[in-house]
Amino acid sequence: MNHILSRDTPATAIPAGNAVTLPAGAEVFITQTLGGNVTVRTDNGLFRIARENADAIGGYTKDGGGETVAPAAGAADFSEQAVWETLKTCFDPEIPVNIVDLGLVYDLNIETAPGGGHVVEVKMTLTAPGCGMGPVIAEDARQKIATLPTVDDAKVHIVWDPVWTPQMISATGRKVLGLE
């Protein structure tokens, strides 16, 4: 089903990662709605519309129909498991598998800050070194981690060692992609 944008809408070109504005009245076709962001296709290519601008997509509602979003701050106590679950709400806009099951998250480090809160650092990679969406995906993960209770600081670093390979995809991810 095609949708019409009700207003000029900030978006990110996929895979270049360039910020663009899709004009009001543009026709878009939704290809993915995972993680709260919306991937749309137009005659000019693929674009990611951030969750805060998804209301510009005429006829689209965030009704929970298959969407995965980060838990609201205060929704649960802080734990390493809560960080992992939050990371599972982050998606490459071209691939319907979260960054954890895609095998992109290499390291998670949690330390206690002087005030008793938490500092979370994540090391992740991308499926391809030239992917311009890397900073967008990393920032999405950082923002979602930062909303967790007692997180004082969250950092997500993109690393290239080891190089990602499809063998790093989890059994769950392989099933979603139809590889098993």
N, C-alpha and C. Protein backbone atom coordinates (compact mmCIF):
# COMPACT_ATOMS: atom_id res chain seq x y z
N MET A 1 0.84 -1.18 0.00
CA MET A 1 0.00 0.00 0.00
C MET A 1 0.89 1.24 0.00
N ASN A 2 0.59 2.15 -0.85
CA ASN A 2 1.34 3.40 -0.90
C ASN A 2 0.74 4.42 0.05
N HIS A 3 1.60 5.30 0.54
CA HIS A 3 1.21 6.35 1.46
C HIS A 3 1.69 7.68 0.91
N ILE A 4 1.05 8.76 1.33
CA ILE A 4 1.44 10.10 0.89
C ILE A 4 1.97 10.87 2.11
N LEU A 5 3.11 11.54 1.95
CA LEU A 5 3.66 12.33 3.05
C LEU A 5 2.84 13.61 3.22
N SER A 6 2.44 13.88 4.45
CA SER A 6 1.58 15.03 4.74
C SER A 6 2.37 16.33 4.88
N ARG A 7 3.69 16.22 5.04
CA ARG A 7 4.52 17.41 5.18
C ARG A 7 5.93 17.09 4.72
N ASP A 8 6.74 18.11 4.50
CA ASP A 8 8.15 17.88 4.23
C ASP A 8 8.70 17.06 5.39
N THR A 9 9.43 16.00 5.07
CA THR A 9 9.82 15.03 6.10
C THR A 9 11.32 14.77 6.06
N PRO A 10 12.01 15.04 7.18
CA PRO A 10 13.44 14.68 7.24
C PRO A 10 13.58 13.16 7.12
N ALA A 11 14.60 12.73 6.39
CA ALA A 11 14.84 11.30 6.20
C ALA A 11 16.34 11.09 5.98
N THR A 12 16.73 9.84 5.94
CA THR A 12 18.12 9.47 5.67
C THR A 12 18.14 8.57 4.45
N ALA A 13 18.93 8.92 3.45
CA ALA A 13 19.06 8.11 2.24
C ALA A 13 19.79 6.81 2.59
N ILE A 14 19.30 5.70 2.07
CA ILE A 14 19.89 4.39 2.30
C ILE A 14 20.53 3.94 0.99
N PRO A 15 21.74 3.45 0.96
CA PRO A 15 22.66 3.20 2.05
C PRO A 15 23.65 4.33 2.31
N ALA A 16 23.54 5.43 1.58
CA ALA A 16 24.54 6.51 1.68
C ALA A 16 24.60 7.14 3.06
N GLY A 17 23.45 7.25 3.74
CA GLY A 17 23.42 7.86 5.06
C GLY A 17 23.28 9.37 5.02
N ASN A 18 23.03 9.95 3.86
CA ASN A 18 22.88 11.40 3.73
C ASN A 18 21.52 11.86 4.25
N ALA A 19 21.52 13.00 4.94
CA ALA A 19 20.25 13.59 5.38
C ALA A 19 19.58 14.24 4.19
N VAL A 20 18.30 13.97 4.03
CA VAL A 20 17.51 14.54 2.93
C VAL A 20 16.16 14.97 3.48
N THR A 21 15.40 15.68 2.68
CA THR A 21 14.03 16.02 3.02
C THR A 21 13.14 15.50 1.91
N LEU A 22 12.21 14.62 2.28
CA LEU A 22 11.23 14.13 1.32
C LEU A 22 10.09 15.14 1.30
N PRO A 23 9.66 15.57 0.11
CA PRO A 23 8.67 16.64 0.03
C PRO A 23 7.25 16.20 0.39
N ALA A 24 6.48 17.12 0.94
CA ALA A 24 5.06 16.88 1.18
C ALA A 24 4.42 16.45 -0.12
N GLY A 25 3.52 15.49 -0.04
CA GLY A 25 2.84 15.00 -1.23
C GLY A 25 3.56 13.85 -1.92
N ALA A 26 4.79 13.54 -1.48
CA ALA A 26 5.52 12.43 -2.09
C ALA A 26 4.84 11.11 -1.75
N GLU A 27 4.84 10.21 -2.73
CA GLU A 27 4.27 8.89 -2.52
C GLU A 27 5.38 7.96 -2.03
N VAL A 28 5.12 7.23 -0.95
CA VAL A 28 6.10 6.31 -0.38
C VAL A 28 5.45 4.94 -0.17
N PHE A 29 6.27 3.92 -0.25
CA PHE A 29 5.84 2.55 0.02
C PHE A 29 6.65 2.06 1.21
N ILE A 30 5.98 1.65 2.27
CA ILE A 30 6.67 1.19 3.48
C ILE A 30 7.23 -0.20 3.25
N THR A 31 8.54 -0.35 3.49
CA THR A 31 9.18 -1.65 3.33
C THR A 31 9.53 -2.30 4.66
N GLN A 32 9.69 -1.50 5.72
CA GLN A 32 10.05 -2.05 7.03
C GLN A 32 9.67 -1.06 8.11
N THR A 33 9.15 -1.58 9.23
CA THR A 33 8.76 -0.72 10.36
C THR A 33 9.33 -1.23 11.66
N LEU A 34 10.53 -1.76 11.63
CA LEU A 34 11.12 -2.35 12.82
C LEU A 34 11.90 -1.33 13.63
N GLY A 35 11.84 -1.45 14.95
CA GLY A 35 12.61 -0.58 15.82
C GLY A 35 12.03 0.81 15.99
N GLY A 36 10.81 1.03 15.49
CA GLY A 36 10.17 2.33 15.63
C GLY A 36 10.43 3.27 14.47
N ASN A 37 11.46 2.99 13.67
CA ASN A 37 11.75 3.78 12.48
C ASN A 37 11.06 3.13 11.29
N VAL A 38 10.91 3.89 10.22
CA VAL A 38 10.20 3.38 9.06
C VAL A 38 11.10 3.50 7.83
N THR A 39 11.28 2.39 7.12
CA THR A 39 12.01 2.40 5.86
C THR A 39 10.98 2.49 4.75
N VAL A 40 11.17 3.47 3.86
CA VAL A 40 10.23 3.66 2.76
C VAL A 40 10.98 3.63 1.43
N ARG A 41 10.26 3.22 0.41
CA ARG A 41 10.79 3.24 -0.95
C ARG A 41 10.03 4.31 -1.72
N THR A 42 10.76 5.08 -2.50
CA THR A 42 10.16 6.06 -3.40
C THR A 42 10.73 5.80 -4.79
N ASP A 43 10.32 6.60 -5.76
CA ASP A 43 10.90 6.48 -7.10
C ASP A 43 12.38 6.82 -7.10
N ASN A 44 12.85 7.50 -6.03
CA ASN A 44 14.25 7.91 -5.93
C ASN A 44 15.10 7.02 -5.04
N GLY A 45 14.55 5.90 -4.56
CA GLY A 45 15.33 4.98 -3.74
C GLY A 45 14.72 4.72 -2.37
N LEU A 46 15.57 4.19 -1.47
CA LEU A 46 15.16 3.86 -0.11
C LEU A 46 15.54 4.97 0.85
N PHE A 47 14.68 5.17 1.87
CA PHE A 47 14.92 6.19 2.88
C PHE A 47 14.45 5.69 4.23
N ARG A 48 15.13 6.15 5.28
CA ARG A 48 14.74 5.84 6.65
C ARG A 48 14.12 7.09 7.24
N ILE A 49 12.88 6.95 7.72
CA ILE A 49 12.21 8.05 8.42
C ILE A 49 12.24 7.70 9.90
N ALA A 50 12.84 8.57 10.70
CA ALA A 50 12.96 8.33 12.14
C ALA A 50 11.58 8.32 12.79
N ARG A 51 11.49 7.59 13.89
CA ARG A 51 10.21 7.40 14.58
C ARG A 51 9.51 8.71 14.90
N GLU A 52 10.27 9.77 15.21
CA GLU A 52 9.64 11.03 15.57
C GLU A 52 9.02 11.76 14.37
N ASN A 53 9.30 11.29 13.17
CA ASN A 53 8.71 11.90 11.97
C ASN A 53 7.74 10.97 11.25
N ALA A 54 7.53 9.78 11.79
CA ALA A 54 6.67 8.79 11.13
C ALA A 54 5.23 9.25 11.01
N ASP A 55 4.81 10.21 11.84
CA ASP A 55 3.44 10.71 11.76
C ASP A 55 3.17 11.45 10.44
N ALA A 56 4.20 11.78 9.68
CA ALA A 56 4.02 12.45 8.39
C ALA A 56 3.57 11.49 7.30
N ILE A 57 3.64 10.19 7.57
CA ILE A 57 3.27 9.18 6.59
C ILE A 57 1.75 8.98 6.67
N GLY A 58 1.05 9.51 5.70
CA GLY A 58 -0.41 9.42 5.70
C GLY A 58 -0.91 8.00 5.74
N GLY A 59 -1.81 7.71 6.69
CA GLY A 59 -2.39 6.38 6.82
C GLY A 59 -1.57 5.41 7.64
N TYR A 60 -0.39 5.80 8.07
CA TYR A 60 0.46 4.93 8.88
C TYR A 60 0.25 5.24 10.35
N THR A 61 0.03 4.20 11.14
CA THR A 61 -0.09 4.38 12.58
C THR A 61 0.86 3.42 13.28
N LYS A 62 1.45 3.89 14.34
CA LYS A 62 2.33 3.05 15.15
C LYS A 62 1.44 2.33 16.17
N ASP A 63 0.82 1.25 15.73
CA ASP A 63 -0.13 0.55 16.59
C ASP A 63 0.46 -0.68 17.26
N GLY A 64 1.78 -0.85 17.14
CA GLY A 64 2.39 -2.03 17.73
C GLY A 64 2.33 -3.23 16.81
N GLY A 65 1.77 -3.09 15.63
CA GLY A 65 1.67 -4.19 14.70
C GLY A 65 3.01 -4.65 14.20
N GLY A 66 3.72 -5.41 15.00
CA GLY A 66 5.01 -5.93 14.60
C GLY A 66 6.17 -5.02 14.92
N GLU A 67 5.90 -3.82 15.40
CA GLU A 67 6.99 -2.91 15.73
C GLU A 67 7.65 -3.32 17.03
N THR A 68 8.94 -3.09 17.09
CA THR A 68 9.69 -3.33 18.31
C THR A 68 10.31 -2.01 18.71
N VAL A 69 10.02 -1.57 19.90
CA VAL A 69 10.60 -0.31 20.36
C VAL A 69 11.26 -0.53 21.71
N ALA A 70 12.14 0.36 22.07
CA ALA A 70 12.84 0.25 23.34
C ALA A 70 11.86 0.44 24.49
N PRO A 71 12.07 -0.25 25.60
CA PRO A 71 11.20 -0.03 26.74
C PRO A 71 11.34 1.39 27.26
N ALA A 72 10.27 1.92 27.78
CA ALA A 72 10.30 3.27 28.33
C ALA A 72 11.20 3.31 29.56
N ALA A 73 11.89 4.43 29.73
CA ALA A 73 12.74 4.58 30.91
C ALA A 73 11.89 4.36 32.15
N GLY A 74 12.41 3.62 33.09
CA GLY A 74 11.69 3.34 34.32
C GLY A 74 10.79 2.12 34.20
N ALA A 75 10.69 1.53 32.99
CA ALA A 75 9.80 0.40 32.79
C ALA A 75 10.32 -0.86 33.48
N ALA A 76 11.60 -0.91 33.74
CA ALA A 76 12.19 -2.07 34.40
C ALA A 76 13.49 -1.64 35.06
N ASP A 77 13.99 -2.47 35.96
CA ASP A 77 15.27 -2.17 36.58
C ASP A 77 16.38 -2.33 35.55
N PHE A 78 17.49 -1.61 35.77
CA PHE A 78 18.63 -1.71 34.88
C PHE A 78 19.31 -3.05 35.07
N SER A 79 19.72 -3.64 33.96
CA SER A 79 20.51 -4.87 33.98
C SER A 79 21.22 -5.01 32.65
N GLU A 80 22.21 -5.88 32.61
CA GLU A 80 22.87 -6.16 31.34
C GLU A 80 21.86 -6.72 30.34
N GLN A 81 20.96 -7.56 30.84
CA GLN A 81 19.93 -8.13 29.96
C GLN A 81 19.04 -7.04 29.36
N ALA A 82 18.74 -6.00 30.15
CA ALA A 82 17.92 -4.89 29.63
C ALA A 82 18.64 -4.18 28.50
N VAL A 83 19.97 -4.05 28.60
CA VAL A 83 20.75 -3.42 27.53
C VAL A 83 20.69 -4.30 26.27
N TRP A 84 20.88 -5.60 26.44
CA TRP A 84 20.82 -6.51 25.29
C TRP A 84 19.44 -6.47 24.64
N GLU A 85 18.40 -6.47 25.44
CA GLU A 85 17.03 -6.41 24.88
C GLU A 85 16.80 -5.09 24.15
N THR A 86 17.36 -4.01 24.66
CA THR A 86 17.24 -2.71 24.00
C THR A 86 17.98 -2.73 22.66
N LEU A 87 19.17 -3.32 22.63
CA LEU A 87 19.92 -3.43 21.38
C LEU A 87 19.16 -4.25 20.34
N LYS A 88 18.34 -5.17 20.81
CA LYS A 88 17.55 -5.98 19.88
C LYS A 88 16.40 -5.19 19.26
N THR A 89 16.22 -3.94 19.67
CA THR A 89 15.20 -3.09 19.04
C THR A 89 15.82 -2.19 17.97
N CYS A 90 17.10 -2.41 17.66
CA CYS A 90 17.81 -1.61 16.66
C CYS A 90 18.01 -2.44 15.41
N PHE A 91 17.72 -1.84 14.25
CA PHE A 91 17.75 -2.57 13.00
C PHE A 91 18.49 -1.79 11.93
N ASP A 92 19.16 -2.53 11.05
CA ASP A 92 19.65 -1.97 9.80
C ASP A 92 18.38 -1.76 8.98
N PRO A 93 18.18 -0.58 8.39
CA PRO A 93 16.92 -0.34 7.69
C PRO A 93 16.70 -1.17 6.43
N GLU A 94 17.72 -1.92 6.01
CA GLU A 94 17.57 -2.77 4.83
C GLU A 94 17.40 -4.24 5.18
N ILE A 95 17.61 -4.59 6.45
CA ILE A 95 17.62 -6.00 6.84
C ILE A 95 16.66 -6.20 8.01
N PRO A 96 15.70 -7.12 7.91
CA PRO A 96 14.70 -7.29 8.96
C PRO A 96 15.17 -8.13 10.15
N VAL A 97 16.43 -7.97 10.54
CA VAL A 97 16.99 -8.68 11.69
C VAL A 97 17.68 -7.65 12.56
N ASN A 98 17.46 -7.73 13.89
CA ASN A 98 18.07 -6.75 14.79
C ASN A 98 19.59 -6.90 14.80
N ILE A 99 20.27 -5.84 15.27
CA ILE A 99 21.72 -5.81 15.20
C ILE A 99 22.40 -6.87 16.07
N VAL A 100 21.73 -7.35 17.11
CA VAL A 100 22.30 -8.41 17.94
C VAL A 100 22.25 -9.73 17.18
N ASP A 101 21.07 -10.10 16.67
CA ASP A 101 20.96 -11.36 15.95
C ASP A 101 21.68 -11.33 14.60
N LEU A 102 21.92 -10.14 14.08
CA LEU A 102 22.70 -10.02 12.84
C LEU A 102 24.19 -10.24 13.11
N GLY A 103 24.57 -10.24 14.40
CA GLY A 103 25.97 -10.46 14.77
C GLY A 103 26.82 -9.22 14.69
N LEU A 104 26.18 -8.05 14.74
CA LEU A 104 26.93 -6.80 14.62
C LEU A 104 27.48 -6.29 15.95
N VAL A 105 26.94 -6.74 17.07
CA VAL A 105 27.40 -6.26 18.38
C VAL A 105 28.51 -7.19 18.86
N TYR A 106 29.71 -6.61 19.01
CA TYR A 106 30.88 -7.39 19.39
C TYR A 106 31.17 -7.34 20.88
N ASP A 107 30.83 -6.23 21.53
CA ASP A 107 31.21 -6.09 22.94
C ASP A 107 30.24 -5.16 23.64
N LEU A 108 29.94 -5.50 24.89
CA LEU A 108 29.10 -4.66 25.75
C LEU A 108 29.82 -4.54 27.08
N ASN A 109 30.09 -3.29 27.49
CA ASN A 109 30.77 -3.05 28.75
C ASN A 109 29.92 -2.10 29.59
N ILE A 110 29.70 -2.47 30.84
CA ILE A 110 28.91 -1.65 31.76
C ILE A 110 29.76 -1.38 32.98
N GLU A 111 29.86 -0.09 33.33
CA GLU A 111 30.58 0.29 34.54
C GLU A 111 29.67 1.16 35.39
N THR A 112 29.96 1.19 36.67
CA THR A 112 29.21 2.04 37.58
C THR A 112 29.86 3.41 37.63
N ALA A 113 29.06 4.44 37.41
CA ALA A 113 29.55 5.82 37.44
C ALA A 113 29.72 6.26 38.89
N PRO A 114 30.51 7.32 39.14
CA PRO A 114 30.73 7.79 40.51
C PRO A 114 29.42 8.08 41.27
N GLY A 115 28.39 8.54 40.57
CA GLY A 115 27.12 8.85 41.23
C GLY A 115 26.21 7.65 41.42
N GLY A 116 26.67 6.47 41.01
CA GLY A 116 25.87 5.26 41.18
C GLY A 116 25.12 4.83 39.94
N GLY A 117 25.08 5.68 38.92
CA GLY A 117 24.44 5.30 37.66
C GLY A 117 25.34 4.39 36.85
N HIS A 118 25.01 4.22 35.60
CA HIS A 118 25.76 3.30 34.76
C HIS A 118 26.28 4.00 33.51
N VAL A 119 27.47 3.56 33.09
CA VAL A 119 28.06 3.99 31.84
C VAL A 119 28.12 2.74 30.96
N VAL A 120 27.49 2.83 29.79
CA VAL A 120 27.40 1.68 28.90
C VAL A 120 28.18 2.00 27.62
N GLU A 121 29.07 1.08 27.24
CA GLU A 121 29.81 1.22 25.99
C GLU A 121 29.61 -0.04 25.17
N VAL A 122 29.31 0.17 23.90
CA VAL A 122 29.07 -0.93 22.98
C VAL A 122 30.04 -0.79 21.81
N LYS A 123 30.58 -1.92 21.39
CA LYS A 123 31.36 -1.97 20.16
C LYS A 123 30.56 -2.79 19.17
N MET A 124 30.34 -2.19 18.01
CA MET A 124 29.58 -2.88 16.97
C MET A 124 30.25 -2.67 15.63
N THR A 125 29.86 -3.47 14.67
CA THR A 125 30.37 -3.34 13.32
C THR A 125 29.20 -3.20 12.37
N LEU A 126 29.49 -3.24 11.09
CA LEU A 126 28.47 -3.15 10.05
C LEU A 126 28.65 -4.31 9.09
N THR A 127 27.64 -4.57 8.29
CA THR A 127 27.76 -5.66 7.32
C THR A 127 28.71 -5.31 6.19
N ALA A 128 28.94 -4.01 5.97
CA ALA A 128 29.87 -3.57 4.92
C ALA A 128 30.56 -2.29 5.37
N PRO A 129 31.88 -2.20 5.20
CA PRO A 129 32.61 -1.01 5.65
C PRO A 129 32.15 0.31 5.03
N GLY A 130 31.65 0.30 3.82
CA GLY A 130 31.25 1.53 3.17
C GLY A 130 29.83 1.98 3.47
N CYS A 131 29.15 1.29 4.35
CA CYS A 131 27.75 1.61 4.65
C CYS A 131 27.64 2.96 5.35
N GLY A 132 26.99 3.91 4.69
CA GLY A 132 26.80 5.23 5.27
C GLY A 132 25.78 5.24 6.39
N MET A 133 25.03 4.16 6.57
CA MET A 133 24.02 4.10 7.63
C MET A 133 24.62 3.77 8.99
N GLY A 134 25.90 3.40 9.03
CA GLY A 134 26.53 3.02 10.29
C GLY A 134 26.34 4.02 11.41
N PRO A 135 26.68 5.29 11.18
CA PRO A 135 26.49 6.27 12.26
C PRO A 135 25.02 6.42 12.66
N VAL A 136 24.11 6.25 11.72
CA VAL A 136 22.68 6.35 12.03
C VAL A 136 22.25 5.19 12.93
N ILE A 137 22.67 3.98 12.58
CA ILE A 137 22.33 2.80 13.37
C ILE A 137 22.97 2.90 14.76
N ALA A 138 24.23 3.30 14.83
CA ALA A 138 24.92 3.44 16.11
C ALA A 138 24.25 4.48 16.99
N GLU A 139 23.84 5.60 16.42
CA GLU A 139 23.16 6.64 17.19
C GLU A 139 21.80 6.17 17.68
N ASP A 140 21.09 5.41 16.87
CA ASP A 140 19.81 4.83 17.29
C ASP A 140 20.03 3.95 18.52
N ALA A 141 21.05 3.10 18.48
CA ALA A 141 21.36 2.22 19.61
C ALA A 141 21.74 3.05 20.84
N ARG A 142 22.58 4.06 20.65
CA ARG A 142 23.01 4.90 21.77
C ARG A 142 21.82 5.60 22.43
N GLN A 143 20.95 6.18 21.62
CA GLN A 143 19.79 6.88 22.16
C GLN A 143 18.89 5.94 22.95
N LYS A 144 18.67 4.75 22.44
CA LYS A 144 17.79 3.80 23.12
C LYS A 144 18.41 3.32 24.44
N ILE A 145 19.71 3.07 24.44
CA ILE A 145 20.38 2.66 25.68
C ILE A 145 20.29 3.78 26.70
N ALA A 146 20.47 5.02 26.25
CA ALA A 146 20.46 6.18 27.15
C ALA A 146 19.11 6.35 27.85
N THR A 147 18.03 5.78 27.30
CA THR A 147 16.71 5.90 27.95
C THR A 147 16.50 4.89 29.07
N LEU A 148 17.41 3.93 29.20
CA LEU A 148 17.25 2.93 30.26
C LEU A 148 17.45 3.57 31.63
N PRO A 149 16.76 3.06 32.64
CA PRO A 149 16.90 3.62 33.99
C PRO A 149 18.35 3.57 34.46
N THR A 150 18.78 4.61 35.10
CA THR A 150 20.09 4.79 35.74
C THR A 150 21.27 4.82 34.76
N VAL A 151 21.02 4.95 33.46
CA VAL A 151 22.13 5.10 32.51
C VAL A 151 22.51 6.58 32.47
N ASP A 152 23.74 6.86 32.92
CA ASP A 152 24.25 8.23 32.90
C ASP A 152 24.90 8.59 31.56
N ASP A 153 25.48 7.57 30.90
CA ASP A 153 26.16 7.83 29.64
C ASP A 153 26.14 6.55 28.81
N ALA A 154 25.94 6.71 27.51
CA ALA A 154 25.95 5.57 26.59
C ALA A 154 26.79 5.95 25.37
N LYS A 155 27.67 5.05 24.98
CA LYS A 155 28.51 5.27 23.81
C LYS A 155 28.46 4.01 22.95
N VAL A 156 28.38 4.22 21.65
CA VAL A 156 28.41 3.11 20.71
C VAL A 156 29.50 3.40 19.70
N HIS A 157 30.48 2.52 19.65
CA HIS A 157 31.62 2.68 18.76
C HIS A 157 31.52 1.69 17.60
N ILE A 158 31.81 2.15 16.41
CA ILE A 158 31.85 1.26 15.24
C ILE A 158 33.29 0.79 15.08
N VAL A 159 33.46 -0.53 15.02
CA VAL A 159 34.78 -1.15 14.87
C VAL A 159 34.77 -2.06 13.65
N TRP A 160 35.96 -2.40 13.17
CA TRP A 160 36.06 -3.21 11.95
C TRP A 160 36.83 -4.50 12.16
N ASP A 161 37.19 -4.80 13.39
CA ASP A 161 37.95 -6.01 13.68
C ASP A 161 37.25 -6.78 14.78
N PRO A 162 36.80 -7.99 14.50
CA PRO A 162 36.96 -8.72 13.25
C PRO A 162 35.96 -8.24 12.19
N VAL A 163 36.28 -8.55 10.96
CA VAL A 163 35.39 -8.22 9.85
C VAL A 163 34.14 -9.08 9.97
N TRP A 164 32.97 -8.46 9.79
CA TRP A 164 31.71 -9.19 9.87
C TRP A 164 31.57 -10.16 8.71
N THR A 165 31.03 -11.33 8.99
CA THR A 165 30.70 -12.32 7.96
C THR A 165 29.30 -12.85 8.24
N PRO A 166 28.61 -13.37 7.24
CA PRO A 166 27.27 -13.90 7.46
C PRO A 166 27.21 -15.04 8.48
N GLN A 167 28.32 -15.69 8.75
CA GLN A 167 28.35 -16.76 9.74
C GLN A 167 28.10 -16.23 11.15
N MET A 168 28.21 -14.92 11.34
CA MET A 168 27.99 -14.30 12.65
C MET A 168 26.51 -14.13 12.98
N ILE A 169 25.64 -14.35 12.00
CA ILE A 169 24.20 -14.23 12.23
C ILE A 169 23.75 -15.37 13.14
N SER A 170 22.95 -15.03 14.16
CA SER A 170 22.47 -16.04 15.11
C SER A 170 21.48 -16.97 14.42
N ALA A 171 21.16 -18.08 15.09
CA ALA A 171 20.18 -19.03 14.57
C ALA A 171 18.83 -18.33 14.37
N THR A 172 18.47 -17.45 15.30
CA THR A 172 17.21 -16.71 15.18
C THR A 172 17.23 -15.83 13.94
N GLY A 173 18.33 -15.10 13.74
CA GLY A 173 18.46 -14.24 12.57
C GLY A 173 18.45 -15.02 11.27
N ARG A 174 19.11 -16.18 11.28
CA ARG A 174 19.15 -17.01 10.07
C ARG A 174 17.74 -17.48 9.71
N LYS A 175 16.95 -17.78 10.73
CA LYS A 175 15.58 -18.23 10.49
C LYS A 175 14.75 -17.10 9.87
N VAL A 176 14.87 -15.88 10.42
CA VAL A 176 14.14 -14.74 9.89
C VAL A 176 14.50 -14.49 8.43
N LEU A 177 15.78 -14.64 8.10
CA LEU A 177 16.25 -14.40 6.75
C LEU A 177 16.02 -15.57 5.79
N GLY A 178 15.50 -16.69 6.35
CA GLY A 178 15.25 -17.85 5.52
C GLY A 178 16.50 -18.61 5.13
N LEU A 179 17.55 -18.47 5.97
CA LEU A 179 18.81 -19.16 5.68
C LEU A 179 18.88 -20.55 6.29
N GLU A 180 17.87 -20.91 7.08
CA GLU A 180 17.84 -22.27 7.69
C GLU A 180 16.51 -22.91 7.44
